[in-house]
Amino acid sequence: MSIIKKKVTPDSIVYTDNFKAYDALDVAEFKHYKVIIQIIADKCNHINGIENFWNQTKRHMRKFNDIDKNHFNLFLKECEWRFNIGDPRNLLRNLKMILKEFFKNLRCYVPNIFLL
């Protein structure tokens, strides 16, 4: 509890799972919500989305050994981008659109590959 009080300001919303040790948060000065970990979440507090994100991120980052901690945030941002865009076709379409806009803003020649 002392570590939580040092890191989290009073009246913050704290989401936890059903681990019994977190029951102490119910009587503390935090707004404590327990999260239901289940396969199908229907109109309740759940962490399925973040669990999915971290599973995909860990799977992607296994390819890279010894990521420098100074660059970890860049690898994480890439994973966030991949997660939010989704399908590789959407990734390519989005990248083409970004590059097309980039070249247009630079008033440069836009290679035909980006106009497809």
N, C-alpha and C. Protein backbone atom coordinates (compact mmCIF):
# COMPACT_ATOMS: atom_id res chain seq x y z
N MET A 1 0.83 -1.20 0.00
CA MET A 1 0.00 0.00 0.00
C MET A 1 0.87 1.25 0.00
N SER A 2 1.99 1.21 0.71
CA SER A 2 2.86 2.40 0.78
C SER A 2 3.43 2.73 -0.60
N ILE A 3 3.76 1.72 -1.39
CA ILE A 3 4.28 1.96 -2.74
C ILE A 3 3.20 2.58 -3.61
N ILE A 4 2.00 2.09 -3.52
CA ILE A 4 0.90 2.63 -4.31
C ILE A 4 0.64 4.08 -3.93
N LYS A 5 0.66 4.38 -2.65
CA LYS A 5 0.42 5.76 -2.20
C LYS A 5 1.51 6.71 -2.67
N LYS A 6 2.74 6.21 -2.82
CA LYS A 6 3.83 7.06 -3.33
C LYS A 6 3.68 7.34 -4.83
N LYS A 7 3.14 6.38 -5.57
CA LYS A 7 3.08 6.48 -7.03
C LYS A 7 1.75 7.03 -7.56
N VAL A 8 0.67 6.87 -6.80
CA VAL A 8 -0.67 7.23 -7.28
C VAL A 8 -1.25 8.32 -6.40
N THR A 9 -1.75 9.39 -7.02
CA THR A 9 -2.32 10.48 -6.24
C THR A 9 -3.70 10.09 -5.68
N PRO A 10 -4.07 10.65 -4.52
CA PRO A 10 -5.39 10.35 -3.94
C PRO A 10 -6.52 10.74 -4.91
N ASP A 11 -7.62 10.07 -4.81
CA ASP A 11 -8.80 10.24 -5.66
C ASP A 11 -8.58 9.78 -7.09
N SER A 12 -7.47 9.08 -7.35
CA SER A 12 -7.25 8.51 -8.68
C SER A 12 -8.13 7.28 -8.84
N ILE A 13 -8.43 6.96 -10.08
CA ILE A 13 -9.16 5.73 -10.38
C ILE A 13 -8.13 4.63 -10.57
N VAL A 14 -8.29 3.54 -9.83
CA VAL A 14 -7.36 2.43 -9.90
C VAL A 14 -8.13 1.19 -10.34
N TYR A 15 -7.69 0.57 -11.43
CA TYR A 15 -8.28 -0.67 -11.93
C TYR A 15 -7.35 -1.82 -11.58
N THR A 16 -7.88 -2.86 -10.99
CA THR A 16 -7.09 -4.05 -10.65
C THR A 16 -7.88 -5.29 -11.01
N ASP A 17 -7.20 -6.44 -10.94
CA ASP A 17 -7.92 -7.69 -11.09
C ASP A 17 -8.49 -8.10 -9.73
N ASN A 18 -8.90 -9.33 -9.59
CA ASN A 18 -9.56 -9.77 -8.36
C ASN A 18 -8.61 -10.31 -7.31
N PHE A 19 -7.33 -10.02 -7.41
CA PHE A 19 -6.35 -10.48 -6.43
C PHE A 19 -6.71 -9.91 -5.07
N LYS A 20 -6.77 -10.77 -4.06
CA LYS A 20 -7.25 -10.37 -2.72
C LYS A 20 -6.46 -9.22 -2.10
N ALA A 21 -5.17 -9.12 -2.39
CA ALA A 21 -4.36 -8.06 -1.79
C ALA A 21 -4.85 -6.67 -2.19
N TYR A 22 -5.51 -6.58 -3.34
CA TYR A 22 -6.00 -5.28 -3.81
C TYR A 22 -7.26 -4.83 -3.08
N ASP A 23 -7.85 -5.70 -2.27
CA ASP A 23 -9.06 -5.32 -1.52
C ASP A 23 -8.79 -4.15 -0.58
N ALA A 24 -7.55 -3.97 -0.18
CA ALA A 24 -7.19 -2.84 0.70
C ALA A 24 -7.45 -1.51 0.01
N LEU A 25 -7.46 -1.49 -1.30
CA LEU A 25 -7.70 -0.25 -2.04
C LEU A 25 -9.15 0.22 -1.88
N ASP A 26 -10.05 -0.69 -1.54
CA ASP A 26 -11.47 -0.33 -1.37
C ASP A 26 -11.66 0.65 -0.22
N VAL A 27 -10.83 0.54 0.80
CA VAL A 27 -10.97 1.42 1.97
C VAL A 27 -9.97 2.58 1.93
N ALA A 28 -9.14 2.62 0.93
CA ALA A 28 -8.16 3.72 0.80
C ALA A 28 -8.83 4.90 0.10
N GLU A 29 -8.06 5.96 -0.13
CA GLU A 29 -8.63 7.16 -0.74
C GLU A 29 -8.66 7.11 -2.27
N PHE A 30 -8.64 5.90 -2.84
CA PHE A 30 -8.69 5.73 -4.29
C PHE A 30 -10.09 5.29 -4.72
N LYS A 31 -10.41 5.54 -5.96
CA LYS A 31 -11.63 4.97 -6.54
C LYS A 31 -11.20 3.65 -7.16
N HIS A 32 -11.55 2.56 -6.53
CA HIS A 32 -11.06 1.24 -6.92
C HIS A 32 -12.14 0.47 -7.67
N TYR A 33 -11.76 -0.01 -8.86
CA TYR A 33 -12.65 -0.85 -9.66
C TYR A 33 -11.95 -2.15 -9.95
N LYS A 34 -12.65 -3.24 -9.73
CA LYS A 34 -12.10 -4.55 -10.07
C LYS A 34 -12.47 -4.87 -11.50
N VAL A 35 -11.53 -5.45 -12.20
CA VAL A 35 -11.72 -5.76 -13.61
C VAL A 35 -12.02 -7.23 -13.75
N ILE A 36 -12.93 -7.53 -14.63
CA ILE A 36 -13.31 -8.92 -14.87
C ILE A 36 -12.45 -9.42 -16.04
N ILE A 37 -11.69 -10.47 -15.78
CA ILE A 37 -10.87 -11.07 -16.84
C ILE A 37 -11.68 -12.24 -17.38
N GLN A 38 -12.12 -12.09 -18.61
CA GLN A 38 -12.94 -13.13 -19.23
C GLN A 38 -12.76 -13.08 -20.73
N ILE A 39 -13.25 -14.10 -21.38
CA ILE A 39 -13.12 -14.18 -22.83
C ILE A 39 -14.04 -13.16 -23.50
N ILE A 40 -15.27 -13.08 -23.08
CA ILE A 40 -16.22 -12.13 -23.67
C ILE A 40 -16.59 -11.11 -22.61
N ALA A 41 -16.31 -9.86 -22.89
CA ALA A 41 -16.65 -8.79 -21.95
C ALA A 41 -17.85 -8.04 -22.50
N ASP A 42 -18.88 -7.90 -21.68
CA ASP A 42 -20.10 -7.27 -22.14
C ASP A 42 -20.50 -6.17 -21.16
N LYS A 43 -20.26 -4.90 -21.55
CA LYS A 43 -20.66 -3.74 -20.76
C LYS A 43 -20.16 -3.80 -19.32
N CYS A 44 -18.89 -4.09 -19.15
CA CYS A 44 -18.31 -4.11 -17.81
C CYS A 44 -16.84 -3.71 -17.93
N ASN A 45 -16.20 -3.51 -16.81
CA ASN A 45 -14.77 -3.20 -16.83
C ASN A 45 -14.02 -4.46 -17.22
N HIS A 46 -13.17 -4.35 -18.22
CA HIS A 46 -12.37 -5.51 -18.64
C HIS A 46 -11.04 -5.03 -19.21
N ILE A 47 -10.11 -5.96 -19.35
CA ILE A 47 -8.78 -5.61 -19.85
C ILE A 47 -8.43 -6.41 -21.10
N ASN A 48 -9.42 -6.93 -21.80
CA ASN A 48 -9.16 -7.76 -22.97
C ASN A 48 -8.37 -7.01 -24.03
N GLY A 49 -8.67 -5.74 -24.25
CA GLY A 49 -7.97 -4.97 -25.28
C GLY A 49 -6.49 -4.81 -24.98
N ILE A 50 -6.16 -4.45 -23.76
CA ILE A 50 -4.75 -4.24 -23.41
C ILE A 50 -4.01 -5.57 -23.36
N GLU A 51 -4.70 -6.64 -22.93
CA GLU A 51 -4.09 -7.97 -22.95
C GLU A 51 -3.74 -8.36 -24.38
N ASN A 52 -4.64 -8.10 -25.31
CA ASN A 52 -4.41 -8.39 -26.72
C ASN A 52 -3.23 -7.59 -27.24
N PHE A 53 -3.19 -6.30 -26.92
CA PHE A 53 -2.09 -5.44 -27.37
C PHE A 53 -0.75 -5.97 -26.88
N TRP A 54 -0.64 -6.28 -25.58
CA TRP A 54 0.64 -6.73 -25.04
C TRP A 54 1.05 -8.08 -25.60
N ASN A 55 0.09 -8.97 -25.85
CA ASN A 55 0.43 -10.25 -26.46
C ASN A 55 1.02 -10.05 -27.85
N GLN A 56 0.38 -9.19 -28.65
CA GLN A 56 0.90 -8.91 -29.99
C GLN A 56 2.26 -8.22 -29.92
N THR A 57 2.42 -7.30 -28.99
CA THR A 57 3.67 -6.56 -28.84
C THR A 57 4.81 -7.49 -28.47
N LYS A 58 4.58 -8.35 -27.49
CA LYS A 58 5.63 -9.28 -27.07
C LYS A 58 6.01 -10.22 -28.21
N ARG A 59 5.01 -10.68 -28.96
CA ARG A 59 5.28 -11.57 -30.09
C ARG A 59 6.13 -10.86 -31.14
N HIS A 60 5.83 -9.61 -31.41
CA HIS A 60 6.58 -8.84 -32.41
C HIS A 60 8.01 -8.54 -31.92
N MET A 61 8.16 -8.18 -30.66
CA MET A 61 9.46 -7.76 -30.14
C MET A 61 10.41 -8.93 -29.88
N ARG A 62 9.89 -10.15 -29.87
CA ARG A 62 10.78 -11.31 -29.70
C ARG A 62 11.80 -11.41 -30.83
N LYS A 63 11.47 -10.82 -31.98
CA LYS A 63 12.38 -10.85 -33.13
C LYS A 63 13.66 -10.07 -32.85
N PHE A 64 13.58 -9.10 -31.96
CA PHE A 64 14.70 -8.22 -31.69
C PHE A 64 15.29 -8.55 -30.33
N ASN A 65 16.55 -8.93 -30.33
CA ASN A 65 17.21 -9.24 -29.06
C ASN A 65 17.90 -7.99 -28.53
N ASP A 66 17.86 -7.84 -27.23
CA ASP A 66 18.58 -6.76 -26.56
C ASP A 66 18.23 -5.38 -27.10
N ILE A 67 16.96 -5.02 -27.04
CA ILE A 67 16.55 -3.68 -27.45
C ILE A 67 17.12 -2.69 -26.44
N ASP A 68 17.80 -1.69 -26.94
CA ASP A 68 18.37 -0.66 -26.08
C ASP A 68 17.22 0.07 -25.37
N LYS A 69 17.33 0.23 -24.06
CA LYS A 69 16.23 0.85 -23.31
C LYS A 69 15.97 2.28 -23.76
N ASN A 70 16.97 2.93 -24.34
CA ASN A 70 16.77 4.29 -24.86
C ASN A 70 15.89 4.31 -26.11
N HIS A 71 15.80 3.16 -26.79
CA HIS A 71 15.00 3.08 -28.02
C HIS A 71 13.73 2.25 -27.85
N PHE A 72 13.52 1.72 -26.65
CA PHE A 72 12.36 0.86 -26.42
C PHE A 72 11.06 1.57 -26.76
N ASN A 73 10.97 2.87 -26.40
CA ASN A 73 9.72 3.60 -26.67
C ASN A 73 9.42 3.66 -28.17
N LEU A 74 10.44 3.70 -29.01
CA LEU A 74 10.21 3.72 -30.46
C LEU A 74 9.66 2.38 -30.94
N PHE A 75 10.21 1.28 -30.43
CA PHE A 75 9.70 -0.04 -30.78
C PHE A 75 8.26 -0.18 -30.30
N LEU A 76 7.98 0.33 -29.11
CA LEU A 76 6.63 0.26 -28.55
C LEU A 76 5.66 1.09 -29.40
N LYS A 77 6.09 2.26 -29.84
CA LYS A 77 5.24 3.10 -30.69
C LYS A 77 4.93 2.40 -32.01
N GLU A 78 5.93 1.70 -32.57
CA GLU A 78 5.69 0.95 -33.80
C GLU A 78 4.62 -0.11 -33.57
N CYS A 79 4.72 -0.81 -32.44
CA CYS A 79 3.73 -1.84 -32.12
C CYS A 79 2.34 -1.23 -31.93
N GLU A 80 2.30 -0.06 -31.31
CA GLU A 80 1.02 0.64 -31.13
C GLU A 80 0.43 0.99 -32.49
N TRP A 81 1.27 1.48 -33.39
CA TRP A 81 0.80 1.85 -34.74
C TRP A 81 0.26 0.62 -35.46
N ARG A 82 1.01 -0.49 -35.41
CA ARG A 82 0.56 -1.73 -36.06
C ARG A 82 -0.76 -2.20 -35.46
N PHE A 83 -0.88 -2.13 -34.14
CA PHE A 83 -2.09 -2.59 -33.47
C PHE A 83 -3.30 -1.75 -33.87
N ASN A 84 -3.13 -0.44 -33.94
CA ASN A 84 -4.25 0.45 -34.25
C ASN A 84 -4.65 0.39 -35.72
N ILE A 85 -3.70 0.16 -36.61
CA ILE A 85 -4.03 0.08 -38.03
C ILE A 85 -4.58 -1.29 -38.39
N GLY A 86 -3.96 -2.34 -37.83
CA GLY A 86 -4.49 -3.69 -38.03
C GLY A 86 -3.92 -4.40 -39.24
N ASP A 87 -4.80 -4.74 -40.17
CA ASP A 87 -4.50 -5.55 -41.35
C ASP A 87 -3.32 -4.97 -42.14
N PRO A 88 -2.39 -5.82 -42.62
CA PRO A 88 -1.24 -5.33 -43.40
C PRO A 88 -1.64 -4.50 -44.62
N ARG A 89 -2.78 -4.83 -45.24
CA ARG A 89 -3.23 -4.02 -46.38
C ARG A 89 -3.56 -2.60 -45.93
N ASN A 90 -4.16 -2.48 -44.74
CA ASN A 90 -4.43 -1.14 -44.21
C ASN A 90 -3.14 -0.42 -43.86
N LEU A 91 -2.15 -1.18 -43.36
CA LEU A 91 -0.85 -0.58 -43.07
C LEU A 91 -0.23 0.01 -44.33
N LEU A 92 -0.24 -0.76 -45.40
CA LEU A 92 0.34 -0.30 -46.67
C LEU A 92 -0.44 0.88 -47.23
N ARG A 93 -1.75 0.80 -47.19
CA ARG A 93 -2.59 1.88 -47.69
C ARG A 93 -2.33 3.17 -46.89
N ASN A 94 -2.25 3.03 -45.58
CA ASN A 94 -1.99 4.17 -44.71
C ASN A 94 -0.61 4.76 -44.96
N LEU A 95 0.39 3.90 -45.12
CA LEU A 95 1.74 4.36 -45.38
C LEU A 95 1.82 5.09 -46.72
N LYS A 96 1.17 4.56 -47.73
CA LYS A 96 1.15 5.24 -49.04
C LYS A 96 0.50 6.61 -48.93
N MET A 97 -0.58 6.70 -48.18
CA MET A 97 -1.27 7.97 -48.01
C MET A 97 -0.38 8.99 -47.29
N ILE A 98 0.32 8.51 -46.25
CA ILE A 98 1.21 9.40 -45.50
C ILE A 98 2.35 9.89 -46.39
N LEU A 99 2.95 8.97 -47.14
CA LEU A 99 4.07 9.36 -48.01
C LEU A 99 3.60 10.28 -49.14
N LYS A 100 2.44 10.02 -49.69
CA LYS A 100 1.90 10.88 -50.75
C LYS A 100 1.71 12.30 -50.21
N GLU A 101 1.13 12.40 -49.02
CA GLU A 101 0.93 13.72 -48.40
C GLU A 101 2.27 14.39 -48.07
N PHE A 102 3.22 13.58 -47.63
CA PHE A 102 4.55 14.09 -47.31
C PHE A 102 5.20 14.70 -48.54
N PHE A 103 5.19 13.96 -49.66
CA PHE A 103 5.80 14.47 -50.89
C PHE A 103 5.04 15.68 -51.43
N LYS A 104 3.71 15.65 -51.29
CA LYS A 104 2.91 16.78 -51.76
C LYS A 104 3.26 18.04 -50.97
N ASN A 105 3.43 17.89 -49.67
CA ASN A 105 3.79 19.05 -48.83
C ASN A 105 5.18 19.57 -49.14
N LEU A 106 6.06 18.69 -49.58
CA LEU A 106 7.40 19.12 -49.97
C LEU A 106 7.45 19.67 -51.39
N ARG A 107 6.32 19.53 -52.10
CA ARG A 107 6.22 19.94 -53.50
C ARG A 107 7.28 19.25 -54.35
N CYS A 108 7.46 17.97 -54.06
CA CYS A 108 8.42 17.16 -54.79
C CYS A 108 7.68 16.24 -55.75
N TYR A 109 8.45 15.58 -56.56
CA TYR A 109 7.92 14.57 -57.45
C TYR A 109 7.41 13.39 -56.62
N VAL A 110 6.21 12.91 -56.89
CA VAL A 110 5.65 11.76 -56.19
C VAL A 110 5.82 10.54 -57.09
N PRO A 111 6.64 9.57 -56.69
CA PRO A 111 6.81 8.38 -57.51
C PRO A 111 5.48 7.67 -57.74
N ASN A 112 5.34 7.02 -58.90
CA ASN A 112 4.08 6.35 -59.27
C ASN A 112 3.65 5.29 -58.26
N ILE A 113 4.58 4.68 -57.58
CA ILE A 113 4.23 3.63 -56.63
C ILE A 113 3.32 4.15 -55.53
N PHE A 114 3.43 5.41 -55.19
CA PHE A 114 2.61 5.97 -54.12
C PHE A 114 1.24 6.43 -54.61
N LEU A 115 1.06 6.46 -55.91
CA LEU A 115 -0.22 6.92 -56.45
C LEU A 115 -1.18 5.77 -56.66
N LEU A 116 -0.73 4.53 -56.48
CA LEU A 116 -1.58 3.36 -56.71
C LEU A 116 -2.74 3.32 -55.76
